[in-house]
Amino acid sequence: MLDRMATDAPSPPADLPAETRPVTFRGAGFAPRAGRYSGWSALLLTIGLWQAAGSAALVNPLFLPTPLSIARAIYLLAQSGALWHHLSWSILRIGTGWMLGTVAGVVIGFAIGLSSLARGIGITFISALFPIPKIALLPLLILWLGIGEAPKIATIALGVFFSTAISVYSGVDTVPRNLIRMAQSFNVPFHFIVRRVIWPGALPSILAGFRITASVALLLVVSAEMIGAEYGIGAFVLQAGNLMQTDQLLAGVVILSLFGLAVGRLINFLETRLLHWR
């Protein structure tokens, strides 16, 4: 019976080479890579179509100015010095609020990730307060801190704090526990475990949180400046909208977009330098 099955089994073709043939690698999926020029090409194409539609009078310039009109408005703002004046106020508020919220969020996030007591208390408060729109607290902060820069900075710091704390303790939770137990088995000091094991393992989540909090800070500073500020990009955009100067309004929007792009590039640089081991 076995002899008959061996005889009936198909024999390999005689023309196959003796050496093993290479097989195409099929495991390259789920690894998307951004093209070097595809994004910029699509952006330039969109701007070109936008300019062509405006030049052909297909779009009312009052509702949607052409890119050249927006660029001219940015140039005039820069030449007059108003752009740098408004931008400097916004950068000062974003930088101060982001730093305060980030430092507090990192400290509290690590405490929640490493301490059972802090986790029990901190997660309860964060879950209760995180969904509240922070800009809704601005009138209350004005009553507490007075009229000035403090309420705006505090609003930004609150928005940044909660997102940072969540990303930090989530990053701490994702660190493989077998690495921590192995370090503990060798009597490695606690501070050394935090610095050499937990911090590098949580760093990808922390940097991802920084990317989110930078956008949160930008949104909050614009909202706060629209409500109670004389200078700043948000105040400038609100004033231009009230005067129906749509070219200057979109100039402010473009400046905000460029600022966000610059912050994103900075975070990409930090990821390249700090996460080179990945």
Protein backbone atom coordinates (compact mmCIF):
# COMPACT_ATOMS: atom_id res chain seq x y z
CA MET A 1 0.00 0.00 0.00
CA LEU A 2 2.75 2.42 0.94
CA ASP A 3 4.73 1.39 -2.11
CA ARG A 4 1.73 2.14 -4.33
CA MET A 5 1.26 5.63 -2.72
CA ALA A 6 4.92 6.40 -3.19
CA THR A 7 4.64 5.32 -6.81
CA ASP A 8 1.49 7.41 -7.45
CA ALA A 9 2.94 10.57 -5.83
CA PRO A 10 3.73 13.25 -8.41
CA SER A 11 7.41 13.61 -9.10
CA PRO A 12 9.01 17.06 -9.34
CA PRO A 13 9.52 18.43 -12.84
CA ALA A 14 12.78 17.48 -14.37
CA ASP A 15 13.54 21.01 -15.58
CA LEU A 16 13.67 22.51 -12.02
CA PRO A 17 17.17 23.67 -11.06
CA ALA A 18 18.90 21.83 -8.28
CA GLU A 19 19.48 24.99 -6.19
CA THR A 20 16.65 26.60 -4.24
CA ARG A 21 14.82 29.30 -6.13
CA PRO A 22 14.43 32.70 -4.36
CA VAL A 23 10.93 33.47 -3.11
CA THR A 24 9.53 37.00 -3.20
CA PHE A 25 9.29 38.52 0.27
CA ARG A 26 5.62 38.92 1.18
CA GLY A 27 5.92 40.45 4.65
CA ALA A 28 6.35 44.10 3.71
CA GLY A 29 2.74 45.10 4.33
CA PHE A 30 1.48 47.41 7.08
CA ALA A 31 4.61 49.54 6.90
CA PRO A 32 3.50 52.76 5.16
CA ARG A 33 6.17 55.26 4.26
CA ALA A 34 5.55 58.90 3.42
CA GLY A 35 6.80 59.92 0.00
CA ARG A 36 9.36 62.69 -0.10
CA TYR A 37 7.57 64.79 -2.69
CA SER A 38 4.01 63.43 -2.87
CA GLY A 39 2.62 65.62 -0.08
CA TRP A 40 4.22 68.83 -1.35
CA SER A 41 3.15 68.04 -4.92
CA ALA A 42 -0.48 67.59 -3.82
CA LEU A 43 -0.32 70.84 -1.83
CA LEU A 44 1.12 72.80 -4.75
CA LEU A 45 -1.50 71.33 -7.08
CA THR A 46 -4.28 72.37 -4.71
CA ILE A 47 -2.89 75.91 -4.42
CA GLY A 48 -2.57 76.12 -8.22
CA LEU A 49 -6.18 75.05 -8.77
CA TRP A 50 -7.30 77.49 -6.07
CA GLN A 51 -5.42 80.36 -7.72
CA ALA A 52 -6.78 79.43 -11.16
CA ALA A 53 -10.35 79.37 -9.87
CA GLY A 54 -9.92 82.77 -8.25
CA SER A 55 -8.26 84.32 -11.31
CA ALA A 56 -11.08 83.03 -13.54
CA ALA A 57 -13.65 84.69 -11.22
CA LEU A 58 -15.21 81.33 -10.42
CA VAL A 59 -15.00 82.15 -6.69
CA ASN A 60 -16.00 85.40 -5.02
CA PRO A 61 -12.79 86.88 -3.53
CA LEU A 62 -14.75 88.18 -0.55
CA PHE A 63 -15.55 84.62 0.52
CA LEU A 64 -12.31 82.96 -0.62
CA PRO A 65 -9.36 85.18 -1.55
CA THR A 66 -6.71 83.80 -3.89
CA PRO A 67 -3.40 82.47 -2.53
CA LEU A 68 -1.63 85.49 -4.04
CA SER A 69 -3.92 87.84 -2.12
CA ILE A 70 -3.21 85.95 1.09
CA ALA A 71 0.54 86.01 0.43
CA ARG A 72 0.34 89.76 -0.25
CA ALA A 73 -1.51 90.26 3.05
CA ILE A 74 1.16 88.30 4.94
CA TYR A 75 3.89 90.36 3.28
CA LEU A 76 2.22 93.65 4.23
CA LEU A 77 1.70 92.45 7.81
CA ALA A 78 5.34 91.44 8.07
CA GLN A 79 6.50 94.71 6.54
CA SER A 80 4.42 96.79 8.92
CA GLY A 81 5.60 94.82 11.95
CA ALA A 82 2.07 93.84 13.02
CA LEU A 83 2.72 90.17 12.20
CA TRP A 84 5.70 89.88 14.54
CA HIS A 85 3.89 91.81 17.27
CA HIS A 86 0.87 89.50 17.25
CA LEU A 87 2.98 86.37 16.75
CA SER A 88 5.32 87.18 19.63
CA TRP A 89 2.41 87.45 22.06
CA SER A 90 0.97 84.13 20.90
CA ILE A 91 4.35 82.36 21.11
CA LEU A 92 4.92 83.73 24.62
CA ARG A 93 1.55 82.44 25.82
CA ILE A 94 1.92 79.06 24.10
CA GLY A 95 5.48 78.53 25.31
CA THR A 96 4.77 79.43 28.93
CA GLY A 97 1.50 77.51 29.17
CA TRP A 98 2.87 74.47 27.37
CA MET A 99 5.96 74.27 29.58
CA LEU A 100 3.97 74.58 32.81
CA GLY A 101 1.38 72.02 31.72
CA THR A 102 4.00 69.61 30.38
CA VAL A 103 6.17 69.63 33.51
CA ALA A 104 3.16 69.09 35.76
CA GLY A 105 1.74 66.42 33.44
CA VAL A 106 5.01 64.46 33.29
CA VAL A 107 5.38 64.50 37.08
CA ILE A 108 1.78 63.47 37.76
CA GLY A 109 1.81 60.94 34.91
CA PHE A 110 4.88 59.18 36.30
CA ALA A 111 3.39 59.25 39.79
CA ILE A 112 0.21 57.60 38.51
CA GLY A 113 2.20 55.05 36.55
CA LEU A 114 4.48 54.11 39.46
CA SER A 115 2.38 54.54 42.60
CA SER A 116 -0.80 52.67 43.49
CA LEU A 117 -1.99 55.47 45.76
CA ALA A 118 -1.38 58.14 43.13
CA ARG A 119 -3.10 55.97 40.51
CA GLY A 120 -6.21 55.53 42.63
CA ILE A 121 -6.52 59.26 43.29
CA GLY A 122 -5.12 60.70 40.05
CA ILE A 123 -7.10 58.67 37.52
CA THR A 124 -10.36 59.57 39.29
CA PHE A 125 -9.65 63.30 39.10
CA ILE A 126 -8.34 63.14 35.54
CA SER A 127 -11.35 61.14 34.34
CA ALA A 128 -13.68 63.68 35.95
CA LEU A 129 -11.93 66.86 34.78
CA PHE A 130 -10.44 65.92 31.42
CA PRO A 131 -13.73 66.07 29.42
CA ILE A 132 -14.41 69.68 30.54
CA PRO A 133 -13.61 72.17 27.73
CA LYS A 134 -10.77 74.18 29.18
CA ILE A 135 -11.75 77.36 27.35
CA ALA A 136 -15.03 77.29 29.32
CA LEU A 137 -12.96 77.84 32.47
CA LEU A 138 -11.43 81.08 31.17
CA PRO A 139 -14.08 83.40 32.71
CA LEU A 140 -13.63 81.67 36.06
CA LEU A 141 -9.84 81.93 35.77
CA ILE A 142 -10.20 85.63 35.03
CA LEU A 143 -12.16 86.01 38.28
CA TRP A 144 -9.47 84.10 40.17
CA LEU A 145 -6.34 85.48 38.54
CA GLY A 146 -7.49 88.86 37.27
CA ILE A 147 -7.40 90.39 33.80
CA GLY A 148 -4.04 89.85 32.13
CA GLU A 149 -1.86 87.06 30.85
CA ALA A 150 -2.26 84.69 33.79
CA PRO A 151 -5.77 83.38 32.86
CA LYS A 152 -4.75 82.69 29.25
CA ILE A 153 -1.57 80.89 30.27
CA ALA A 154 -3.45 78.92 32.93
CA THR A 155 -6.05 77.84 30.34
CA ILE A 156 -3.31 76.54 28.03
CA ALA A 157 -1.49 74.85 30.92
CA LEU A 158 -4.67 73.03 32.01
CA GLY A 159 -5.36 71.76 28.51
CA VAL A 160 -1.78 70.56 28.11
CA PHE A 161 -1.59 69.03 31.60
CA PHE A 162 -4.38 66.48 31.25
CA SER A 163 -3.30 65.22 27.81
CA THR A 164 0.32 64.97 28.95
CA ALA A 165 -0.54 63.11 32.16
CA ILE A 166 -2.64 60.58 30.25
CA SER A 167 0.05 59.95 27.63
CA VAL A 168 2.77 59.61 30.29
CA TYR A 169 1.05 57.08 32.53
CA SER A 170 -0.18 55.17 29.47
CA GLY A 171 3.42 55.02 28.27
CA VAL A 172 4.59 53.80 31.66
CA ASP A 173 1.94 51.06 31.58
CA THR A 174 3.19 49.84 28.18
CA VAL A 175 6.74 49.19 29.42
CA PRO A 176 7.26 45.39 29.50
CA ARG A 177 7.02 44.27 33.11
CA ASN A 178 9.52 41.46 32.60
CA LEU A 179 12.23 44.09 32.03
CA ILE A 180 11.34 45.81 35.30
CA ARG A 181 11.25 42.50 37.21
CA MET A 182 14.58 41.47 35.76
CA ALA A 183 16.15 44.74 36.92
CA GLN A 184 14.60 44.30 40.36
CA SER A 185 15.96 40.76 40.58
CA PHE A 186 19.47 42.20 40.27
CA ASN A 187 18.76 44.73 43.06
CA VAL A 188 18.95 47.68 40.66
CA PRO A 189 18.01 50.91 42.50
CA PHE A 190 14.55 52.33 41.89
CA HIS A 191 15.75 55.61 40.39
CA PHE A 192 18.03 53.71 38.00
CA ILE A 193 15.11 51.53 36.84
CA VAL A 194 13.03 54.65 36.20
CA ARG A 195 15.84 56.36 34.30
CA ARG A 196 17.15 53.39 32.31
CA VAL A 197 14.12 51.14 31.82
CA ILE A 198 10.83 52.97 32.32
CA TRP A 199 11.77 56.33 30.80
CA PRO A 200 13.08 54.94 27.46
CA GLY A 201 10.13 52.54 27.23
CA ALA A 202 7.56 55.28 27.85
CA LEU A 203 9.30 57.89 25.68
CA PRO A 204 7.46 57.04 22.40
CA SER A 205 4.09 57.61 24.07
CA ILE A 206 5.35 60.77 25.76
CA LEU A 207 6.54 62.26 22.47
CA ALA A 208 3.27 61.31 20.81
CA GLY A 209 1.54 63.15 23.63
CA PHE A 210 3.73 66.18 22.98
CA ARG A 211 2.50 66.23 19.39
CA ILE A 212 -1.10 66.27 20.63
CA THR A 213 -0.53 68.86 23.35
CA ALA A 214 1.17 71.22 20.89
CA SER A 215 -2.04 71.25 18.83
CA VAL A 216 -4.14 71.63 21.99
CA ALA A 217 -2.05 74.62 23.08
CA LEU A 218 -2.43 76.23 19.65
CA LEU A 219 -6.22 75.79 19.71
CA LEU A 220 -6.53 77.13 23.25
CA VAL A 221 -4.35 80.19 22.68
CA VAL A 222 -6.42 81.20 19.65
CA SER A 223 -9.66 80.73 21.57
CA ALA A 224 -8.37 82.60 24.62
CA GLU A 225 -7.08 85.49 22.49
CA MET A 226 -10.43 85.76 20.73
CA ILE A 227 -12.22 86.07 24.06
CA GLY A 228 -10.02 88.41 26.03
CA ALA A 229 -6.86 89.68 24.33
CA GLU A 230 -5.86 92.78 22.42
CA TYR A 231 -2.82 91.25 20.73
CA GLY A 232 -2.14 87.78 19.38
CA ILE A 233 -2.96 85.78 16.27
CA GLY A 234 -6.38 84.86 17.64
CA ALA A 235 -7.25 88.48 18.34
CA PHE A 236 -5.98 89.46 14.90
CA VAL A 237 -8.09 86.79 13.17
CA LEU A 238 -11.19 87.86 15.12
CA GLN A 239 -10.64 91.53 14.23
CA ALA A 240 -10.12 90.72 10.55
CA GLY A 241 -13.30 88.64 10.52
CA ASN A 242 -15.33 91.44 12.11
CA LEU A 243 -14.07 93.85 9.44
CA MET A 244 -14.71 91.31 6.64
CA GLN A 245 -11.02 91.43 5.67
CA THR A 246 -10.95 87.81 4.56
CA ASP A 247 -7.49 88.04 3.03
CA GLN A 248 -6.01 89.02 6.41
CA LEU A 249 -8.21 86.48 8.18
CA LEU A 250 -6.85 83.68 6.00
CA ALA A 251 -3.36 85.15 6.39
CA GLY A 252 -3.71 84.58 10.13
CA VAL A 253 -4.96 81.03 9.50
CA VAL A 254 -1.97 80.33 7.24
CA ILE A 255 0.40 81.67 9.90
CA LEU A 256 -1.17 79.34 12.47
CA SER A 257 -0.80 76.44 10.05
CA LEU A 258 2.87 77.25 9.43
CA PHE A 259 3.46 77.53 13.16
CA GLY A 260 1.88 74.12 13.72
CA LEU A 261 3.98 72.68 10.90
CA ALA A 262 7.15 74.08 12.47
CA VAL A 263 6.25 72.54 15.85
CA GLY A 264 5.59 69.19 14.15
CA ARG A 265 9.01 69.32 12.50
CA LEU A 266 10.61 70.05 15.86
CA ILE A 267 8.90 67.03 17.43
CA ASN A 268 10.01 64.88 14.47
CA PHE A 269 13.58 66.01 15.14
CA LEU A 270 13.23 65.09 18.82
CA GLU A 271 11.87 61.66 17.89
CA THR A 272 14.79 61.10 15.52
CA ARG A 273 17.34 62.03 18.18
CA LEU A 274 15.74 60.42 21.22
CA LEU A 275 14.28 57.28 19.62
CA HIS A 276 17.23 56.31 17.44
CA TRP A 277 17.31 52.92 19.18
CA ARG A 278 13.98 51.85 17.66
